[in-house]
Protein backbone atom coordinates (compact mmCIF):
# COMPACT_ATOMS: atom_id res chain seq x y z
CA UNK A 1 9.30 2.46 41.23
CA UNK A 2 8.15 -0.02 38.54
CA UNK A 3 10.83 -1.22 36.13
CA UNK A 4 10.60 -0.84 32.35
CA UNK A 5 9.89 -4.59 32.15
CA UNK A 6 7.00 -4.30 34.64
CA UNK A 7 5.61 -1.32 32.73
CA UNK A 8 5.90 -2.98 29.32
CA UNK A 9 2.41 -4.62 29.16
CA UNK A 10 0.66 -1.40 30.21
CA UNK A 11 2.67 0.76 27.83
CA UNK A 12 2.05 -1.64 24.94
CA UNK A 13 -1.69 -1.40 25.58
CA UNK A 14 -1.74 2.38 26.07
CA UNK A 15 0.56 3.22 23.15
CA UNK A 16 -0.48 0.65 20.56
CA UNK A 17 -3.68 -0.98 21.82
CA UNK A 18 -2.11 -4.44 22.00
CA UNK A 19 -2.21 -7.00 24.78
CA UNK A 20 0.85 -9.12 25.42
CA UNK A 21 0.38 -12.62 26.81
CA UNK A 22 2.51 -14.04 29.60
CA UNK A 23 4.16 -16.31 27.04
CA UNK A 24 5.03 -13.38 24.78
CA UNK A 25 6.47 -11.43 27.71
CA UNK A 26 8.54 -14.43 28.75
CA UNK A 27 9.96 -14.75 25.25
CA UNK A 28 10.79 -11.04 25.16
CA UNK A 29 12.68 -11.50 28.44
CA UNK A 30 14.62 -14.45 27.00
CA UNK A 31 15.37 -12.49 23.83
CA UNK A 32 16.87 -9.67 25.90
CA UNK A 33 18.94 -12.20 27.87
CA UNK A 34 20.38 -13.71 24.68
CA UNK A 35 21.03 -10.25 23.27
CA UNK A 36 22.90 -9.26 26.45
CA UNK A 37 25.17 -12.32 26.11
CA UNK A 38 25.87 -11.85 22.41
CA UNK A 39 26.51 -8.12 22.36
CA UNK A 40 29.85 -8.58 24.12
CA UNK A 41 31.04 -10.44 21.00
CA UNK A 42 29.02 -8.83 18.22
CA UNK A 43 28.19 -5.13 17.85
CA UNK A 44 24.41 -5.55 17.81
CA UNK A 45 22.82 -2.54 19.49
CA UNK A 46 24.01 0.60 21.27
CA UNK A 47 21.71 0.31 24.31
CA UNK A 48 23.68 0.14 27.58
CA UNK A 49 21.02 -1.34 29.88
CA UNK A 50 17.97 -3.58 29.94
CA UNK A 51 15.83 -0.50 30.60
CA UNK A 52 17.16 1.18 27.47
CA UNK A 53 16.65 -1.97 25.40
CA UNK A 54 13.01 -2.15 26.45
CA UNK A 55 12.22 1.56 26.30
CA UNK A 56 13.99 2.35 22.99
CA UNK A 57 13.94 -0.90 21.04
CA UNK A 58 11.33 -3.39 22.27
CA UNK A 59 8.59 -0.76 22.61
CA UNK A 60 9.49 0.72 19.24
CA UNK A 61 9.23 -2.72 17.62
CA UNK A 62 5.81 -3.29 19.20
CA UNK A 63 4.47 -0.46 17.02
CA UNK A 64 4.24 -3.08 14.23
CA UNK A 65 2.45 -5.81 16.19
CA UNK A 66 -1.08 -5.04 15.03
CA UNK A 67 0.06 -4.80 11.39
CA UNK A 68 2.02 -8.05 11.63
CA UNK A 69 -0.87 -9.93 13.20
CA UNK A 70 -3.09 -8.89 10.28
CA UNK A 71 -1.03 -10.62 7.55
CA UNK A 72 0.11 -14.15 6.71
CA UNK A 73 3.64 -13.34 5.50
CA UNK A 74 5.94 -10.52 6.62
CA UNK A 75 9.61 -9.64 6.23
CA UNK A 76 12.09 -7.51 8.14
CA UNK A 77 14.65 -5.98 5.81
CA UNK A 78 18.07 -5.62 7.44
CA UNK A 79 17.01 -7.20 10.71
CA UNK A 80 20.25 -6.54 12.60
CA UNK A 81 19.76 -7.21 16.32
CA UNK A 82 16.18 -8.40 15.75
CA UNK A 83 14.31 -5.12 16.05
CA UNK A 84 11.64 -5.27 14.88
CA UNK A 85 11.84 -8.78 13.32
CA UNK A 86 12.26 -10.97 16.40
CA UNK A 87 9.61 -8.99 18.29
CA UNK A 88 7.31 -9.36 15.28
CA UNK A 89 7.83 -13.13 15.42
CA UNK A 90 7.14 -13.27 19.16
CA UNK A 91 3.96 -11.22 19.09
CA UNK A 92 2.49 -12.58 15.83
CA UNK A 93 2.99 -16.35 16.08
CA UNK A 94 0.53 -17.12 13.28
CA UNK A 95 2.44 -14.96 10.78
CA UNK A 96 5.42 -16.31 8.82
CA UNK A 97 8.32 -13.90 9.31
CA UNK A 98 11.36 -13.70 7.03
CA UNK A 99 14.40 -11.93 8.50
CA UNK A 100 16.87 -10.72 5.88
CA UNK A 101 20.30 -9.90 7.28
CA UNK A 102 23.37 -9.94 5.03
CA UNK A 103 25.93 -9.59 7.84
CA UNK A 104 27.03 -13.10 8.78
CA UNK A 105 27.46 -12.67 12.54
CA UNK A 106 24.15 -10.89 12.94
CA UNK A 107 22.39 -13.55 10.89
CA UNK A 108 23.96 -16.20 13.15
CA UNK A 109 22.66 -14.32 16.19
CA UNK A 110 19.14 -14.16 14.76
CA UNK A 111 19.19 -17.91 14.03
CA UNK A 112 20.29 -18.60 17.59
CA UNK A 113 17.50 -16.44 19.03
CA UNK A 114 14.89 -18.17 16.85
CA UNK A 115 16.21 -21.57 17.99
CA UNK A 116 16.34 -20.75 21.71
CA UNK A 117 12.90 -19.13 21.70
CA UNK A 118 11.43 -21.89 19.49
CA UNK A 119 10.14 -19.30 17.02
CA UNK A 120 9.10 -21.74 14.30
CA UNK A 121 7.41 -18.94 12.36
CA UNK A 122 10.75 -17.21 11.72
CA UNK A 123 13.20 -17.95 8.91
CA UNK A 124 16.54 -16.15 8.78
CA UNK A 125 18.08 -15.42 5.38
CA UNK A 126 21.77 -14.34 5.40
CA UNK A 127 21.38 -12.46 2.11
CA UNK A 128 20.71 -9.03 0.69
CA UNK A 129 17.14 -8.34 -0.37
CA UNK A 130 17.86 -8.57 -4.10
CA UNK A 131 19.19 -12.12 -3.64
CA UNK A 132 16.33 -13.42 -1.53
CA UNK A 133 14.71 -16.53 -2.95
CA UNK A 134 12.14 -17.21 -0.29
CA UNK A 135 9.53 -18.55 -2.66
CA UNK A 136 6.75 -16.26 -1.44
CA UNK A 137 6.07 -12.56 -1.48
CA UNK A 138 5.40 -10.62 1.69
CA UNK A 139 2.23 -8.76 2.54
CA UNK A 140 4.23 -6.57 4.92
CA UNK A 141 7.87 -5.47 4.80
CA UNK A 142 9.26 -3.67 7.84
CA UNK A 143 12.32 -1.43 7.65
CA UNK A 144 13.97 0.30 10.61
CA UNK A 145 16.97 2.58 10.48
CA UNK A 146 17.31 2.62 6.67
CA UNK A 147 16.88 5.64 4.39
CA UNK A 148 13.33 5.79 3.03
CA UNK A 149 14.45 5.88 -0.61
CA UNK A 150 16.70 2.84 -0.13
CA UNK A 151 13.98 0.95 1.75
CA UNK A 152 11.31 1.61 -0.88
CA UNK A 153 13.56 0.39 -3.69
CA UNK A 154 14.69 -2.72 -1.81
CA UNK A 155 11.19 -3.68 -0.64
CA UNK A 156 9.71 -3.56 -4.13
CA UNK A 157 10.98 -7.03 -5.07
CA UNK A 158 9.82 -8.54 -1.75
CA UNK A 159 6.27 -7.20 -1.64
CA UNK A 160 3.15 -8.70 -3.12
CA UNK A 161 1.03 -6.24 -5.09
CA UNK A 162 -1.11 -4.42 -2.56
CA UNK A 163 1.38 -5.25 0.20
CA UNK A 164 2.54 -2.65 2.68
CA UNK A 165 5.95 -1.19 3.41
CA UNK A 166 6.25 -0.02 7.03
CA UNK A 167 8.97 2.61 7.40
CA UNK A 168 10.02 3.05 11.03
CA UNK A 169 11.64 6.45 11.53
CA UNK A 170 11.87 9.50 13.74
CA UNK A 171 8.81 11.72 13.72
CA UNK A 172 9.13 14.79 11.56
CA UNK A 173 11.38 13.14 9.00
CA UNK A 174 9.33 14.89 6.34
CA UNK A 175 7.00 13.98 3.52
CA UNK A 176 8.05 10.99 1.46
CA UNK A 177 6.80 9.75 -1.88
CA UNK A 178 8.07 6.78 -3.87
CA UNK A 179 7.04 5.74 -7.36
CA UNK A 180 4.58 2.88 -7.27
CA UNK A 181 3.60 3.42 -3.63
CA UNK A 182 0.75 5.29 -1.97
CA UNK A 183 0.66 6.41 1.65
CA UNK A 184 -2.15 4.73 3.57
CA UNK A 185 -1.31 5.46 7.19
CA UNK A 186 1.03 7.30 9.52
CA UNK A 187 1.22 6.48 13.21
CA UNK A 188 3.19 8.66 15.63
CA UNK A 189 4.13 7.79 19.20
CA UNK A 190 6.42 8.96 22.01
CA UNK A 191 8.88 6.56 23.63
CA UNK A 192 9.48 6.74 27.41
CA UNK A 193 12.78 8.59 26.94
CA UNK A 194 11.00 11.34 25.06
CA UNK A 195 11.94 10.43 21.48
CA UNK A 196 9.09 10.78 19.02
CA UNK A 197 8.90 8.11 16.34
CA UNK A 198 6.46 7.19 13.59
CA UNK A 199 5.54 4.33 11.29
CA UNK A 200 4.81 5.42 7.72
CA UNK A 201 2.81 2.75 5.87
CA UNK A 202 3.03 2.77 2.06
CA UNK A 203 1.05 0.38 -0.13
CA UNK A 204 2.54 -1.02 -3.33
CA UNK A 205 0.27 -0.24 -6.29
CA UNK A 206 -0.10 -2.41 -9.39
CA UNK A 207 2.10 -1.20 -12.27
């Protein structure tokens, strides 16, 4: 029986149409190893096994790979354990990725992962979104596990005009509209455990 790790390249291609290189797969493995060591000290993620980490979190994060590869600057708002931000950095090495995480221990974890994996395209900011002074606006802001209304408001100051907010949520969460945004895409997918998720992409309009 193939493991979740062995199935990951095929599932990434079948679900999202993306090919993962051997180098990217190796970095994902190392990321999971670091996460397994740190989660005994810091409450990072609820997954109880490597299989669950890959099937529920890594695969979910890969839903943003094509979007991330298409822009020069992206941000992950409230990056937590690095899903999707670290995976974005691994699979889109030519994109500058800003990870915003206000919780000190989680920000320290993200910095350690970026150092160990030599992810030079990632910068970790231990601040809330409204205090970010990164010096550049993002073409893509990813948000996972945050209420849509909160995410839309927080992302507004980070996004360049015409930039996209990618809301990662469970499928069937309902219609969502936010002032100043227009929906441009919705992508649904089913994770191996049966959960159905979606990415709702909203573009920031000029005022």
